[in-house]
Protein backbone atom coordinates (compact mmCIF):
# COMPACT_ATOMS: atom_id res chain seq x y z
CA UNK A 1 103.16 154.40 47.12
CA UNK A 2 105.30 151.98 49.09
CA UNK A 3 103.53 152.82 52.32
CA UNK A 4 100.20 151.72 50.77
CA UNK A 5 101.71 148.35 49.96
CA UNK A 6 102.96 148.07 53.54
CA UNK A 7 99.52 148.92 54.88
CA UNK A 8 97.92 146.32 52.60
CA UNK A 9 100.38 143.64 53.72
CA UNK A 10 99.84 144.55 57.39
CA UNK A 11 96.04 144.41 57.09
CA UNK A 12 96.17 141.09 55.23
CA UNK A 13 98.50 139.57 57.84
CA UNK A 14 96.28 140.85 60.68
CA UNK A 15 93.19 139.31 59.03
CA UNK A 16 94.94 135.98 58.56
CA UNK A 17 96.11 135.92 62.17
CA UNK A 18 92.62 136.84 63.37
CA UNK A 19 91.02 134.06 61.33
CA UNK A 20 93.62 131.60 62.52
CA UNK A 21 93.06 132.61 66.15
CA UNK A 22 89.31 132.21 65.79
CA UNK A 23 89.76 128.81 64.18
CA UNK A 24 92.09 127.71 66.99
CA UNK A 25 89.69 128.91 69.67
CA UNK A 26 86.83 127.10 67.98
CA UNK A 27 88.95 123.97 67.58
CA UNK A 28 90.07 124.07 71.22
CA UNK A 29 86.49 124.56 72.36
CA UNK A 30 85.34 121.50 70.40
CA UNK A 31 88.21 119.43 71.76
CA UNK A 32 87.44 120.60 75.29
CA UNK A 33 83.80 119.48 75.00
CA UNK A 34 84.82 116.16 73.45
CA UNK A 35 87.49 115.69 76.12
CA UNK A 36 84.97 116.13 78.94
CA UNK A 37 82.69 113.53 77.34
CA UNK A 38 85.65 111.19 76.90
CA UNK A 39 86.61 111.59 80.57
CA UNK A 40 83.15 110.36 81.54
CA UNK A 41 83.39 107.41 79.15
CA UNK A 42 86.81 106.35 80.43
CA UNK A 43 85.88 106.79 84.10
CA UNK A 44 82.77 104.71 83.55
CA UNK A 45 84.91 101.94 82.06
CA UNK A 46 87.40 102.25 84.94
CA UNK A 47 84.77 102.01 87.69
CA UNK A 48 82.95 99.18 85.93
CA UNK A 49 86.22 97.23 85.53
CA UNK A 50 87.10 97.88 89.17
CA UNK A 51 83.74 96.44 90.22
CA UNK A 52 84.12 93.34 88.02
CA UNK A 53 87.66 92.65 89.22
CA UNK A 54 86.66 93.22 92.86
CA UNK A 55 83.84 90.69 92.56
CA UNK A 56 86.25 88.15 91.11
CA UNK A 57 88.75 88.72 93.92
CA UNK A 58 86.05 88.67 96.63
CA UNK A 59 84.88 85.18 95.72
CA UNK A 60 88.45 83.87 96.04
CA UNK A 61 89.32 85.84 99.17
CA UNK A 62 86.37 84.86 101.39
CA UNK A 63 87.17 81.13 101.76
CA UNK A 64 90.82 81.99 102.55
CA UNK A 65 89.83 84.49 105.24
CA UNK A 66 87.24 82.15 106.74
CA UNK A 67 89.40 79.01 106.70
CA UNK A 68 92.28 80.78 108.42
CA UNK A 69 90.36 82.72 111.07
CA UNK A 70 92.48 81.21 113.84
CA UNK A 71 95.40 83.20 112.41
CA UNK A 72 93.59 86.40 113.42
CA UNK A 73 92.38 85.58 116.93
CA UNK A 74 92.75 89.21 118.01
CA UNK A 75 90.15 90.28 115.48
CA UNK A 76 87.06 91.44 117.37
CA UNK A 77 85.15 92.66 114.33
CA UNK A 78 82.51 90.47 112.74
CA UNK A 79 82.30 89.52 109.08
CA UNK A 80 79.31 88.93 106.80
CA UNK A 81 80.85 88.03 103.45
CA UNK A 82 79.33 90.79 101.35
CA UNK A 83 80.99 93.36 99.12
CA UNK A 84 79.47 96.83 98.78
CA UNK A 85 79.73 99.88 96.56
CA UNK A 86 78.57 103.25 97.88
CA UNK A 87 78.22 106.61 96.17
CA UNK A 88 80.67 108.16 98.66
CA UNK A 89 83.38 105.64 97.73
CA UNK A 90 84.08 107.84 94.70
CA UNK A 91 85.02 111.52 94.29
CA UNK A 92 82.03 113.86 94.14
CA UNK A 93 82.65 114.47 90.45
CA UNK A 94 81.87 110.78 89.80
CA UNK A 95 78.49 110.78 91.54
CA UNK A 96 76.54 110.73 88.27
CA UNK A 97 78.60 107.82 87.02
CA UNK A 98 77.81 105.84 90.18
CA UNK A 99 74.09 106.57 89.80
CA UNK A 100 74.19 105.54 86.14
CA UNK A 101 76.03 102.28 86.82
CA UNK A 102 74.40 101.18 90.07
CA UNK A 103 71.23 103.18 90.84
CA UNK A 104 69.64 103.75 87.44
CA UNK A 105 66.66 101.43 88.03
CA UNK A 106 65.60 102.95 91.35
CA UNK A 107 62.35 104.92 91.47
CA UNK A 108 63.32 108.60 92.10
CA UNK A 109 60.82 108.75 94.96
CA UNK A 110 63.13 106.58 97.06
CA UNK A 111 65.83 109.26 97.01
CA UNK A 112 63.37 111.80 98.40
CA UNK A 113 61.93 109.37 100.93
CA UNK A 114 65.30 108.42 102.43
CA UNK A 115 67.03 111.77 101.84
CA UNK A 116 70.16 110.31 100.23
CA UNK A 117 72.18 111.10 97.09
CA UNK A 118 72.65 107.44 96.22
CA UNK A 119 72.04 103.98 97.61
CA UNK A 120 74.71 101.37 98.41
CA UNK A 121 74.56 98.27 96.26
CA UNK A 122 75.68 94.71 97.01
CA UNK A 123 78.25 93.76 94.40
CA UNK A 124 79.05 90.27 95.65
CA UNK A 125 77.83 87.74 98.20
CA UNK A 126 80.34 85.07 99.18
CA UNK A 127 79.24 81.45 99.27
CA UNK A 128 78.64 80.01 102.76
CA UNK A 129 78.74 83.46 104.35
CA UNK A 130 76.17 85.03 106.74
CA UNK A 131 75.05 87.28 103.88
CA UNK A 132 74.57 84.28 101.60
CA UNK A 133 72.72 82.29 104.26
CA UNK A 134 70.43 85.26 104.96
CA UNK A 135 69.40 85.39 101.30
CA UNK A 136 71.19 88.52 100.13
CA UNK A 137 71.83 88.65 96.39
CA UNK A 138 74.16 90.49 94.07
CA UNK A 139 72.65 93.83 92.91
CA UNK A 140 70.38 94.19 95.96
CA UNK A 141 69.97 97.88 96.79
CA UNK A 142 70.35 98.82 100.47
CA UNK A 143 67.63 101.22 101.62
CA UNK A 144 68.30 101.02 105.36
CA UNK A 145 71.05 99.79 107.67
CA UNK A 146 69.89 98.84 111.19
CA UNK A 147 66.69 100.86 110.70
CA UNK A 148 68.43 104.10 109.67
CA UNK A 149 69.04 105.56 106.22
CA UNK A 150 72.33 104.93 104.40
CA UNK A 151 73.90 108.36 104.86
CA UNK A 152 77.50 107.79 106.04
CA UNK A 153 76.96 104.15 105.19
CA UNK A 154 80.47 102.87 105.89
CA UNK A 155 80.66 104.66 109.24
CA UNK A 156 77.38 103.05 110.30
CA UNK A 157 78.52 99.69 108.97
CA UNK A 158 81.77 99.90 110.95
CA UNK A 159 79.83 100.65 114.15
CA UNK A 160 77.70 97.54 113.62
CA UNK A 161 80.71 95.33 112.90
CA UNK A 162 82.42 96.57 116.07
CA UNK A 163 79.52 96.95 118.50
CA UNK A 164 76.34 95.18 117.41
CA UNK A 165 75.43 91.51 117.31
CA UNK A 166 73.33 91.63 114.16
CA UNK A 167 73.40 93.52 110.90
CA UNK A 168 69.98 94.40 109.53
CA UNK A 169 69.24 95.67 106.05
CA UNK A 170 66.11 96.77 104.28
CA UNK A 171 66.83 96.05 100.64
CA UNK A 172 65.17 96.81 97.34
CA UNK A 173 65.09 93.91 94.90
CA UNK A 174 63.32 94.93 91.74
CA UNK A 175 60.19 96.60 93.10
CA UNK A 176 60.06 94.53 96.27
CA UNK A 177 61.29 95.71 99.69
CA UNK A 178 62.78 92.95 101.86
CA UNK A 179 64.11 92.98 105.43
CA UNK A 180 67.23 90.88 106.09
CA UNK A 181 68.79 90.06 109.46
CA UNK A 182 72.32 88.59 109.66
CA UNK A 183 74.51 87.39 112.51
CA UNK A 184 78.17 88.07 111.97
CA UNK A 185 80.97 85.54 112.36
CA UNK A 186 84.69 85.74 113.00
CA UNK A 187 87.08 85.61 110.06
CA UNK A 188 90.53 86.88 109.20
CA UNK A 189 88.86 89.88 107.64
CA UNK A 190 91.72 91.70 105.98
CA UNK A 191 90.53 93.71 103.01
CA UNK A 192 91.69 92.55 99.60
CA UNK A 193 91.23 95.23 96.95
CA UNK A 194 91.97 95.92 93.32
CA UNK A 195 94.60 98.52 92.46
CA UNK A 196 94.42 100.09 88.97
CA UNK A 197 97.94 99.62 87.64
CA UNK A 198 99.50 98.31 84.44
CA UNK A 199 102.24 96.36 86.23
CA UNK A 200 101.53 92.86 87.61
CA UNK A 201 102.12 93.18 91.34
CA UNK A 202 100.55 92.90 94.79
CA UNK A 203 101.07 94.75 98.06
CA UNK A 204 100.26 94.43 101.77
CA UNK A 205 100.23 97.33 104.23
CA UNK A 206 99.11 95.72 107.49
CA UNK A 207 95.40 96.35 106.98
CA UNK A 208 94.76 95.75 103.32
CA UNK A 209 96.01 93.70 100.41
CA UNK A 210 96.13 95.26 96.96
CA UNK A 211 96.24 93.19 93.76
CA UNK A 212 96.92 95.23 90.64
CA UNK A 213 94.55 95.06 87.70
CA UNK A 214 97.44 93.83 85.55
CA UNK A 215 98.11 90.92 87.94
CA UNK A 216 94.43 89.95 87.89
CA UNK A 217 94.35 89.96 84.11
CA UNK A 218 97.67 88.09 83.90
CA UNK A 219 96.39 85.31 86.17
CA UNK A 220 94.43 82.68 84.27
CA UNK A 221 93.07 80.56 87.14
CA UNK A 222 91.55 81.03 90.58
CA UNK A 223 94.47 79.10 92.04
CA UNK A 224 96.98 81.63 90.74
CA UNK A 225 95.02 84.50 92.30
CA UNK A 226 94.54 82.50 95.51
CA UNK A 227 98.31 82.18 95.85
CA UNK A 228 98.88 85.91 95.25
CA UNK A 229 96.24 86.77 97.85
CA UNK A 230 97.63 84.19 100.27
CA UNK A 231 101.15 85.57 99.89
CA UNK A 232 100.11 89.13 100.77
CA UNK A 233 97.82 88.01 103.59
CA UNK A 234 100.81 86.13 105.00
CA UNK A 235 102.72 89.42 105.16
CA UNK A 236 99.87 91.02 107.11
CA UNK A 237 99.52 88.07 109.49
CA UNK A 238 103.19 87.25 110.06
CA UNK A 239 104.98 90.55 109.70
CA UNK A 240 102.66 93.40 110.60
CA UNK A 241 101.08 91.52 113.50
CA UNK A 242 98.42 94.11 114.17
CA UNK A 243 94.78 93.90 113.28
CA UNK A 244 92.44 96.77 112.53
CA UNK A 245 90.76 95.51 109.36
CA UNK A 246 87.03 95.44 108.74
CA UNK A 247 84.64 94.74 105.89
CA UNK A 248 83.41 98.30 106.35
CA UNK A 249 86.66 99.51 104.77
CA UNK A 250 86.60 97.15 101.80
CA UNK A 251 86.39 99.63 98.91
CA UNK A 252 85.51 97.81 95.71
CA UNK A 253 85.35 100.75 93.29
CA UNK A 254 87.65 103.33 94.91
CA UNK A 255 90.32 103.77 92.24
CA UNK A 256 92.21 106.29 94.40
CA UNK A 257 92.85 104.08 97.44
CA UNK A 258 96.47 102.92 97.62
CA UNK A 259 98.75 100.99 100.00
CA UNK A 260 99.97 103.16 102.83
CA UNK A 261 101.66 103.07 106.21
CA UNK A 262 98.65 103.09 108.48
CA UNK A 263 100.36 102.91 111.86
CA UNK A 264 103.62 104.24 113.23
CA UNK A 265 104.86 100.77 114.18
CA UNK A 266 104.37 99.66 110.56
CA UNK A 267 107.37 101.82 109.60
CA UNK A 268 109.59 99.13 111.10
CA UNK A 269 108.12 96.42 108.87
CA UNK A 270 110.47 96.29 105.91
CA UNK A 271 110.34 93.37 103.56
CA UNK A 272 113.46 91.37 102.77
CA UNK A 273 114.36 88.16 100.97
CA UNK A 274 113.70 85.89 103.95
CA UNK A 275 110.31 87.47 104.59
CA UNK A 276 109.32 87.07 100.95
CA UNK A 277 110.23 83.37 101.07
CA UNK A 278 108.30 83.03 104.32
CA UNK A 279 105.26 84.70 102.73
CA UNK A 280 105.47 82.36 99.72
CA UNK A 281 105.39 79.29 101.98
CA UNK A 282 102.73 80.61 104.39
CA UNK A 283 100.65 81.92 101.47
CA UNK A 284 100.56 78.41 100.01
CA UNK A 285 99.33 77.06 103.35
CA UNK A 286 96.59 79.71 103.63
CA UNK A 287 95.27 79.10 100.10
CA UNK A 288 95.55 75.30 100.29
CA UNK A 289 93.64 75.20 103.56
CA UNK A 290 90.82 77.12 101.87
CA UNK A 291 90.41 74.31 99.32
CA UNK A 292 92.45 75.64 96.41
CA UNK A 293 94.44 72.87 94.73
CA UNK A 294 97.17 75.32 93.62
CA UNK A 295 97.94 73.14 90.60
CA UNK A 296 99.93 74.90 87.88
CA UNK A 297 100.36 78.05 90.02
CA UNK A 298 103.88 78.25 88.58
CA UNK A 299 102.42 79.18 85.22
CA UNK A 300 101.88 82.65 86.68
CA UNK A 301 105.61 83.08 87.35
CA UNK A 302 106.42 81.79 83.88
CA UNK A 303 104.13 84.39 82.32
CA UNK A 304 105.47 87.06 84.68
CA UNK A 305 108.97 86.46 83.34
CA UNK A 306 107.79 87.83 79.99
CA UNK A 307 107.78 91.29 81.60
CA UNK A 308 111.12 90.79 83.37
CA UNK A 309 113.28 88.17 81.60
CA UNK A 310 116.16 88.93 83.95
CA UNK A 311 114.03 87.60 86.81
CA UNK A 312 114.01 84.08 85.37
CA UNK A 313 117.27 83.19 87.06
CA UNK A 314 118.45 86.37 88.73
CA UNK A 315 117.38 87.52 92.20
CA UNK A 316 116.69 91.25 92.39
CA UNK A 317 116.45 93.37 95.53
CA UNK A 318 114.27 91.49 98.04
CA UNK A 319 112.96 88.92 95.56
CA UNK A 320 114.42 85.57 94.64
CA UNK A 321 114.35 84.62 90.96
CA UNK A 322 111.09 83.44 89.39
CA UNK A 323 112.67 80.01 88.82
CA UNK A 324 113.57 79.77 92.52
CA UNK A 325 110.07 80.79 93.62
CA UNK A 326 108.48 78.28 91.24
CA UNK A 327 110.69 75.51 92.59
CA UNK A 328 109.88 76.54 96.18
CA UNK A 329 106.16 76.47 95.38
CA UNK A 330 106.43 72.96 93.94
CA UNK A 331 108.28 71.73 97.02
CA UNK A 332 105.77 73.36 99.39
CA UNK A 333 102.77 72.02 97.48
CA UNK A 334 104.21 68.51 97.57
CA UNK A 335 104.53 68.73 101.37
CA UNK A 336 100.98 70.03 101.70
CA UNK A 337 99.59 67.15 99.67
CA UNK A 338 101.60 64.58 101.60
CA UNK A 339 100.36 65.99 104.91
CA UNK A 340 96.79 66.14 103.61
CA UNK A 341 96.93 62.42 102.68
CA UNK A 342 98.20 61.29 106.09
């Protein structure tokens, strides 16, 4: 009799485990489907925020690069003052997101006609740039570059910037096709990009400048961002002393691109306290020359101290205290204004 009870208990337990397993599998399957949808939603937000922040930074960066072109006399590449996004700037898995965000209004026949997976789009056109003077507009779709299709767009763009006199686009604006011809100019064309990070910071690596998303959101004025950009550009100009930058490598939506050592000789460029002070002073000069008043720039350092209260009066590693840097900025700005009024 006891064995029948044991059998009953065993069968009941087996049934319960089986039901539980089925429920778990079903639950996991539903979560997996929902997770995949959520990945698309979050990536779409990420790429869209990258584009918006890059446009904001581009408008501040261009006048600094143009006004200080004499600092980059060795630069042989031309600049046009436009910011692009291309389908190949993102991982292949994000292709559909790119098409949804930037190519959704294009007639499908264009993809067949030009034999491309996606068309580059102009995200930003800087004021008083060759692109601006030629009539290019934000959201113009690029159908052709120098009379060829846009496959390997950035490689073709780099060739033009290095070897050709003019840059020619056929663009799609609404339903109208327009041909645009631009003559490039010299500028200090270091790339300034957005870096998705939750910590307010900025980096220079000899070719590019990266401003974190947190730093962009922490800054409340163009002047604050102009100083941050100027500071990192100063590192590239003064300390790396090599130039291989080009607008062709300005990646507005590439959330995977990060600062890196791009040349062997860059290994020897280590930052220290004196170089940081030098970059603060030179960065002020670069931004001020571009027309930024730099008033109340110190508010950025005051807000930054919220994240690191110890930095208010204590110097850490290669950085002087936030109070010291704010005082240095005030002193430098005063000198700049006095010189400007002479």
